[in-house]
Amino acid sequence: MKNNLYPLKFYPVYKDYPWGGSRIPETYHRDVPPGIYAESWEIADRDDGMGVVSNGPLAGQTLREVLQAAPTEILGSGSKGSKFPLLVKLIDSKQKLSVQVHPNDRTAAEFGGSPIVWMHLHT
């Protein structure tokens, strides 16, 4: 698959938690039905939300399928595991949220859960 890789685009995976708003579709000019869009998972390799390629010859394949076919080309030669290690998402909260605690890498490996790194972008 090495020669078949190109800049991949993915269909977003939307989550409609009650605290969500409508700014994601408005801000990013997305053609979606009216509703609550609390989160938009832009790149996801999770059982509860899987990214699907939206462009080119690999369109329709999941991120996990593409990764399984070309792990070194996507993650590099030092990668471990069979899942894409990042979840890239946009969040739109129309109300204040509770404090959320996520484990670091070591604690997640020992007790479970997903470690998290936050990057805040304001529009």
N, C-alpha and C. Protein backbone atom coordinates (compact mmCIF):
# COMPACT_ATOMS: atom_id res chain seq x y z
N MET A 1 0.82 -1.19 0.00
CA MET A 1 0.00 0.00 0.00
C MET A 1 0.86 1.26 0.00
N LYS A 2 2.13 1.13 0.20
CA LYS A 2 3.01 2.29 0.34
C LYS A 2 2.80 3.30 -0.78
N ASN A 3 2.70 2.86 -1.99
CA ASN A 3 2.54 3.78 -3.12
C ASN A 3 1.12 4.33 -3.23
N ASN A 4 0.17 3.74 -2.53
CA ASN A 4 -1.22 4.17 -2.62
C ASN A 4 -1.59 5.22 -1.58
N LEU A 5 -0.70 5.54 -0.66
CA LEU A 5 -1.05 6.51 0.38
C LEU A 5 -1.00 7.93 -0.18
N TYR A 6 -1.84 8.76 0.31
CA TYR A 6 -1.99 10.14 -0.12
C TYR A 6 -2.60 10.89 1.06
N PRO A 7 -2.73 12.20 1.01
CA PRO A 7 -3.38 12.90 2.13
C PRO A 7 -4.82 12.42 2.30
N LEU A 8 -5.06 11.73 3.39
CA LEU A 8 -6.37 11.15 3.65
C LEU A 8 -7.28 12.17 4.33
N LYS A 9 -8.54 12.17 3.90
CA LYS A 9 -9.58 12.96 4.57
C LYS A 9 -10.59 11.96 5.12
N PHE A 10 -11.24 12.35 6.22
CA PHE A 10 -12.18 11.46 6.88
C PHE A 10 -13.53 12.14 7.08
N TYR A 11 -14.59 11.32 7.04
CA TYR A 11 -15.89 11.82 7.43
C TYR A 11 -15.88 12.02 8.94
N PRO A 12 -16.39 13.14 9.43
CA PRO A 12 -16.43 13.33 10.88
C PRO A 12 -17.43 12.37 11.53
N VAL A 13 -17.13 12.01 12.76
CA VAL A 13 -18.05 11.23 13.59
C VAL A 13 -18.63 12.21 14.60
N TYR A 14 -19.93 12.43 14.54
CA TYR A 14 -20.57 13.42 15.41
C TYR A 14 -21.13 12.75 16.66
N LYS A 15 -21.02 13.47 17.78
CA LYS A 15 -21.57 13.03 19.06
C LYS A 15 -22.54 14.12 19.53
N ASP A 16 -23.73 13.70 19.97
CA ASP A 16 -24.79 14.65 20.30
C ASP A 16 -25.11 14.68 21.80
N TYR A 17 -24.10 14.87 22.61
CA TYR A 17 -24.32 14.94 24.05
C TYR A 17 -25.20 16.15 24.37
N PRO A 18 -26.02 16.05 25.44
CA PRO A 18 -26.99 17.12 25.75
C PRO A 18 -26.38 18.51 25.92
N TRP A 19 -25.13 18.61 26.30
CA TRP A 19 -24.50 19.91 26.52
C TRP A 19 -23.98 20.55 25.23
N GLY A 20 -24.13 19.88 24.11
CA GLY A 20 -23.57 20.36 22.85
C GLY A 20 -24.33 21.53 22.25
N GLY A 21 -23.70 22.13 21.26
CA GLY A 21 -24.28 23.28 20.57
C GLY A 21 -24.40 23.04 19.08
N SER A 22 -24.35 24.13 18.32
CA SER A 22 -24.50 24.04 16.86
C SER A 22 -23.38 24.76 16.13
N ARG A 23 -22.33 25.16 16.84
CA ARG A 23 -21.28 25.96 16.20
C ARG A 23 -20.37 25.15 15.28
N ILE A 24 -20.23 23.86 15.50
CA ILE A 24 -19.33 23.07 14.64
C ILE A 24 -19.82 23.10 13.19
N PRO A 25 -21.10 22.75 12.94
CA PRO A 25 -21.55 22.82 11.53
C PRO A 25 -21.53 24.24 10.97
N GLU A 26 -21.87 25.22 11.80
CA GLU A 26 -21.89 26.61 11.33
C GLU A 26 -20.49 27.11 11.02
N THR A 27 -19.57 26.88 11.92
CA THR A 27 -18.20 27.39 11.78
C THR A 27 -17.47 26.73 10.61
N TYR A 28 -17.68 25.44 10.43
CA TYR A 28 -16.94 24.69 9.41
C TYR A 28 -17.78 24.42 8.16
N HIS A 29 -18.93 25.08 8.04
CA HIS A 29 -19.78 25.03 6.85
C HIS A 29 -20.09 23.59 6.44
N ARG A 30 -20.61 22.84 7.37
CA ARG A 30 -20.91 21.43 7.11
C ARG A 30 -22.38 21.27 6.80
N ASP A 31 -22.65 20.46 5.82
CA ASP A 31 -24.03 20.20 5.38
C ASP A 31 -24.57 19.02 6.19
N VAL A 32 -25.13 19.33 7.35
CA VAL A 32 -25.69 18.32 8.24
C VAL A 32 -27.08 18.79 8.69
N PRO A 33 -27.94 17.86 9.07
CA PRO A 33 -29.26 18.26 9.55
C PRO A 33 -29.16 19.07 10.84
N PRO A 34 -30.15 19.91 11.13
CA PRO A 34 -30.13 20.65 12.39
C PRO A 34 -30.09 19.67 13.57
N GLY A 35 -29.41 20.06 14.62
CA GLY A 35 -29.34 19.19 15.79
C GLY A 35 -28.22 19.61 16.71
N ILE A 36 -27.94 18.76 17.66
CA ILE A 36 -26.89 18.99 18.63
C ILE A 36 -25.62 18.33 18.13
N TYR A 37 -24.55 19.09 18.09
CA TYR A 37 -23.25 18.59 17.67
C TYR A 37 -22.22 18.96 18.74
N ALA A 38 -22.19 18.16 19.81
CA ALA A 38 -21.31 18.43 20.93
C ALA A 38 -19.85 18.20 20.55
N GLU A 39 -19.62 17.14 19.81
CA GLU A 39 -18.26 16.81 19.39
C GLU A 39 -18.27 16.35 17.93
N SER A 40 -17.18 16.66 17.26
CA SER A 40 -16.94 16.17 15.91
C SER A 40 -15.58 15.49 15.95
N TRP A 41 -15.59 14.18 15.85
CA TRP A 41 -14.33 13.43 15.85
C TRP A 41 -13.79 13.46 14.43
N GLU A 42 -12.74 14.22 14.22
CA GLU A 42 -12.18 14.44 12.89
C GLU A 42 -11.32 13.26 12.43
N ILE A 43 -10.57 12.70 13.35
CA ILE A 43 -9.78 11.50 13.08
C ILE A 43 -9.98 10.58 14.27
N ALA A 44 -10.56 9.40 14.03
CA ALA A 44 -10.89 8.52 15.14
C ALA A 44 -10.71 7.06 14.76
N ASP A 45 -10.10 6.33 15.66
CA ASP A 45 -9.95 4.87 15.52
C ASP A 45 -10.42 4.27 16.85
N ARG A 46 -11.72 4.34 17.05
CA ARG A 46 -12.32 3.86 18.30
C ARG A 46 -13.53 3.00 17.97
N ASP A 47 -13.80 2.05 18.83
CA ASP A 47 -14.95 1.18 18.62
C ASP A 47 -16.26 1.96 18.67
N ASP A 48 -16.31 3.06 19.43
CA ASP A 48 -17.54 3.84 19.54
C ASP A 48 -17.58 5.02 18.57
N GLY A 49 -16.69 5.02 17.59
CA GLY A 49 -16.68 6.05 16.56
C GLY A 49 -15.48 5.87 15.65
N MET A 50 -15.70 5.31 14.49
CA MET A 50 -14.60 4.96 13.59
C MET A 50 -14.56 5.91 12.40
N GLY A 51 -13.38 6.48 12.16
CA GLY A 51 -13.19 7.33 10.99
C GLY A 51 -13.24 6.51 9.71
N VAL A 52 -13.86 7.08 8.69
CA VAL A 52 -13.96 6.45 7.38
C VAL A 52 -13.39 7.42 6.35
N VAL A 53 -12.51 6.91 5.51
CA VAL A 53 -11.87 7.75 4.48
C VAL A 53 -12.93 8.27 3.52
N SER A 54 -12.85 9.58 3.23
CA SER A 54 -13.85 10.21 2.38
C SER A 54 -13.34 10.58 0.99
N ASN A 55 -12.05 10.34 0.72
CA ASN A 55 -11.51 10.78 -0.57
C ASN A 55 -10.59 9.71 -1.18
N GLY A 56 -10.45 9.80 -2.48
CA GLY A 56 -9.47 8.97 -3.20
C GLY A 56 -9.80 7.49 -3.27
N PRO A 57 -8.82 6.70 -3.70
CA PRO A 57 -9.03 5.26 -3.93
C PRO A 57 -9.36 4.48 -2.65
N LEU A 58 -9.01 5.00 -1.48
CA LEU A 58 -9.30 4.29 -0.23
C LEU A 58 -10.63 4.72 0.39
N ALA A 59 -11.39 5.57 -0.31
CA ALA A 59 -12.68 6.03 0.20
C ALA A 59 -13.55 4.85 0.60
N GLY A 60 -14.16 4.96 1.76
CA GLY A 60 -15.03 3.91 2.28
C GLY A 60 -14.34 2.97 3.25
N GLN A 61 -13.01 2.97 3.27
CA GLN A 61 -12.29 2.13 4.22
C GLN A 61 -12.18 2.86 5.56
N THR A 62 -12.19 2.09 6.64
CA THR A 62 -12.03 2.69 7.95
C THR A 62 -10.56 3.01 8.19
N LEU A 63 -10.33 3.90 9.14
CA LEU A 63 -8.96 4.22 9.51
C LEU A 63 -8.24 2.96 9.97
N ARG A 64 -8.91 2.11 10.71
CA ARG A 64 -8.27 0.88 11.19
C ARG A 64 -7.90 -0.04 10.03
N GLU A 65 -8.74 -0.15 9.02
CA GLU A 65 -8.41 -0.98 7.85
C GLU A 65 -7.18 -0.44 7.12
N VAL A 66 -7.12 0.88 6.96
CA VAL A 66 -5.97 1.49 6.29
C VAL A 66 -4.72 1.27 7.13
N LEU A 67 -4.85 1.44 8.43
CA LEU A 67 -3.71 1.26 9.32
C LEU A 67 -3.22 -0.18 9.33
N GLN A 68 -4.12 -1.13 9.31
CA GLN A 68 -3.73 -2.54 9.29
C GLN A 68 -3.00 -2.90 8.01
N ALA A 69 -3.36 -2.24 6.90
CA ALA A 69 -2.71 -2.52 5.62
C ALA A 69 -1.35 -1.84 5.49
N ALA A 70 -1.15 -0.73 6.22
CA ALA A 70 0.11 0.02 6.08
C ALA A 70 0.53 0.63 7.42
N PRO A 71 0.77 -0.19 8.43
CA PRO A 71 1.09 0.38 9.76
C PRO A 71 2.37 1.20 9.79
N THR A 72 3.41 0.72 9.17
CA THR A 72 4.69 1.44 9.20
C THR A 72 4.61 2.74 8.43
N GLU A 73 3.91 2.75 7.31
CA GLU A 73 3.80 3.95 6.50
C GLU A 73 3.01 5.04 7.21
N ILE A 74 2.07 4.65 8.07
CA ILE A 74 1.24 5.64 8.76
C ILE A 74 1.83 6.03 10.11
N LEU A 75 2.29 5.06 10.88
CA LEU A 75 2.75 5.33 12.25
C LEU A 75 4.26 5.36 12.42
N GLY A 76 5.00 4.87 11.44
CA GLY A 76 6.45 4.82 11.55
C GLY A 76 6.93 3.46 12.03
N SER A 77 8.21 3.24 11.93
CA SER A 77 8.78 1.93 12.23
C SER A 77 8.83 1.63 13.72
N GLY A 78 8.77 2.62 14.57
CA GLY A 78 8.84 2.38 16.01
C GLY A 78 7.49 2.27 16.68
N SER A 79 6.43 2.19 15.90
CA SER A 79 5.09 2.18 16.48
C SER A 79 4.75 0.82 17.09
N LYS A 80 3.90 0.89 18.10
CA LYS A 80 3.40 -0.32 18.76
C LYS A 80 1.88 -0.26 18.74
N GLY A 81 1.26 -1.40 18.71
CA GLY A 81 -0.19 -1.43 18.74
C GLY A 81 -0.79 -1.45 17.36
N SER A 82 -2.10 -1.70 17.33
CA SER A 82 -2.80 -1.83 16.05
C SER A 82 -3.86 -0.76 15.86
N LYS A 83 -3.92 0.22 16.76
CA LYS A 83 -4.88 1.30 16.63
C LYS A 83 -4.15 2.62 16.46
N PHE A 84 -4.82 3.57 15.78
CA PHE A 84 -4.26 4.91 15.66
C PHE A 84 -4.27 5.53 17.04
N PRO A 85 -3.15 6.06 17.51
CA PRO A 85 -3.04 6.45 18.92
C PRO A 85 -3.65 7.80 19.28
N LEU A 86 -4.20 8.52 18.33
CA LEU A 86 -4.77 9.84 18.62
C LEU A 86 -6.24 9.89 18.28
N LEU A 87 -6.98 10.67 19.04
CA LEU A 87 -8.35 11.02 18.72
C LEU A 87 -8.36 12.54 18.55
N VAL A 88 -8.62 13.00 17.34
CA VAL A 88 -8.65 14.43 17.05
C VAL A 88 -10.10 14.84 16.97
N LYS A 89 -10.51 15.79 17.85
CA LYS A 89 -11.91 16.17 17.87
C LYS A 89 -12.11 17.65 18.14
N LEU A 90 -13.23 18.14 17.67
CA LEU A 90 -13.70 19.49 17.96
C LEU A 90 -14.79 19.37 19.02
N ILE A 91 -14.83 20.30 19.95
CA ILE A 91 -15.85 20.28 21.00
C ILE A 91 -16.59 21.61 20.98
N ASP A 92 -17.92 21.55 21.06
CA ASP A 92 -18.75 22.74 21.18
C ASP A 92 -19.68 22.56 22.37
N SER A 93 -19.44 23.30 23.42
CA SER A 93 -20.26 23.23 24.61
C SER A 93 -21.07 24.51 24.75
N LYS A 94 -22.38 24.38 24.82
CA LYS A 94 -23.22 25.57 25.00
C LYS A 94 -23.39 25.90 26.48
N GLN A 95 -22.83 25.08 27.35
CA GLN A 95 -22.89 25.35 28.79
C GLN A 95 -21.59 24.91 29.44
N LYS A 96 -21.37 25.33 30.66
CA LYS A 96 -20.17 24.95 31.38
C LYS A 96 -20.20 23.45 31.66
N LEU A 97 -19.04 22.83 31.54
CA LEU A 97 -18.94 21.39 31.76
C LEU A 97 -18.27 21.12 33.10
N SER A 98 -18.50 19.92 33.60
CA SER A 98 -17.85 19.50 34.83
C SER A 98 -16.36 19.27 34.57
N VAL A 99 -15.60 19.24 35.62
CA VAL A 99 -14.18 18.95 35.51
C VAL A 99 -14.02 17.49 35.08
N GLN A 100 -13.18 17.26 34.11
CA GLN A 100 -12.92 15.91 33.63
C GLN A 100 -11.47 15.56 33.93
N VAL A 101 -11.27 14.38 34.46
CA VAL A 101 -9.93 13.92 34.79
C VAL A 101 -9.60 12.73 33.90
N HIS A 102 -8.48 12.83 33.20
CA HIS A 102 -8.02 11.75 32.34
C HIS A 102 -6.66 11.29 32.84
N PRO A 103 -6.40 10.01 32.76
CA PRO A 103 -5.12 9.49 33.25
C PRO A 103 -3.96 9.84 32.32
N ASN A 104 -2.75 9.84 32.88
CA ASN A 104 -1.57 9.96 32.03
C ASN A 104 -1.28 8.60 31.41
N ASP A 105 -0.26 8.50 30.57
CA ASP A 105 0.04 7.24 29.87
C ASP A 105 0.25 6.08 30.83
N ARG A 106 1.04 6.30 31.88
CA ARG A 106 1.37 5.23 32.82
C ARG A 106 0.13 4.75 33.58
N THR A 107 -0.67 5.69 34.08
CA THR A 107 -1.87 5.33 34.83
C THR A 107 -2.89 4.64 33.93
N ALA A 108 -3.03 5.11 32.69
CA ALA A 108 -3.96 4.47 31.76
C ALA A 108 -3.54 3.04 31.47
N ALA A 109 -2.24 2.80 31.31
CA ALA A 109 -1.75 1.45 31.05
C ALA A 109 -2.00 0.54 32.25
N GLU A 110 -1.91 1.09 33.44
CA GLU A 110 -2.06 0.28 34.65
C GLU A 110 -3.53 0.02 35.00
N PHE A 111 -4.38 1.05 34.87
CA PHE A 111 -5.76 0.93 35.34
C PHE A 111 -6.82 1.01 34.24
N GLY A 112 -6.42 1.32 33.02
CA GLY A 112 -7.37 1.48 31.93
C GLY A 112 -7.71 2.93 31.70
N GLY A 113 -8.43 3.20 30.68
CA GLY A 113 -8.79 4.56 30.32
C GLY A 113 -7.91 5.06 29.18
N SER A 114 -8.20 6.25 28.73
CA SER A 114 -7.47 6.86 27.62
C SER A 114 -6.74 8.09 28.11
N PRO A 115 -5.42 8.13 27.92
CA PRO A 115 -4.70 9.37 28.25
C PRO A 115 -5.12 10.47 27.28
N ILE A 116 -4.94 11.69 27.69
CA ILE A 116 -5.42 12.79 26.86
C ILE A 116 -4.40 13.92 26.82
N VAL A 117 -4.33 14.58 25.68
CA VAL A 117 -3.56 15.80 25.52
C VAL A 117 -4.53 16.83 24.95
N TRP A 118 -4.64 17.98 25.58
CA TRP A 118 -5.57 19.01 25.13
C TRP A 118 -4.86 20.06 24.30
N MET A 119 -5.53 20.50 23.27
CA MET A 119 -5.07 21.65 22.50
C MET A 119 -6.33 22.50 22.27
N HIS A 120 -6.32 23.71 22.76
CA HIS A 120 -7.49 24.57 22.65
C HIS A 120 -7.33 25.52 21.46
N LEU A 121 -8.33 25.51 20.60
CA LEU A 121 -8.39 26.44 19.47
C LEU A 121 -9.66 27.25 19.64
N HIS A 122 -9.55 28.53 19.57
CA HIS A 122 -10.74 29.39 19.72
C HIS A 122 -11.08 30.01 18.39
N THR A 123 -12.40 30.06 18.13
CA THR A 123 -12.86 30.70 16.89
C THR A 123 -13.54 31.99 17.21
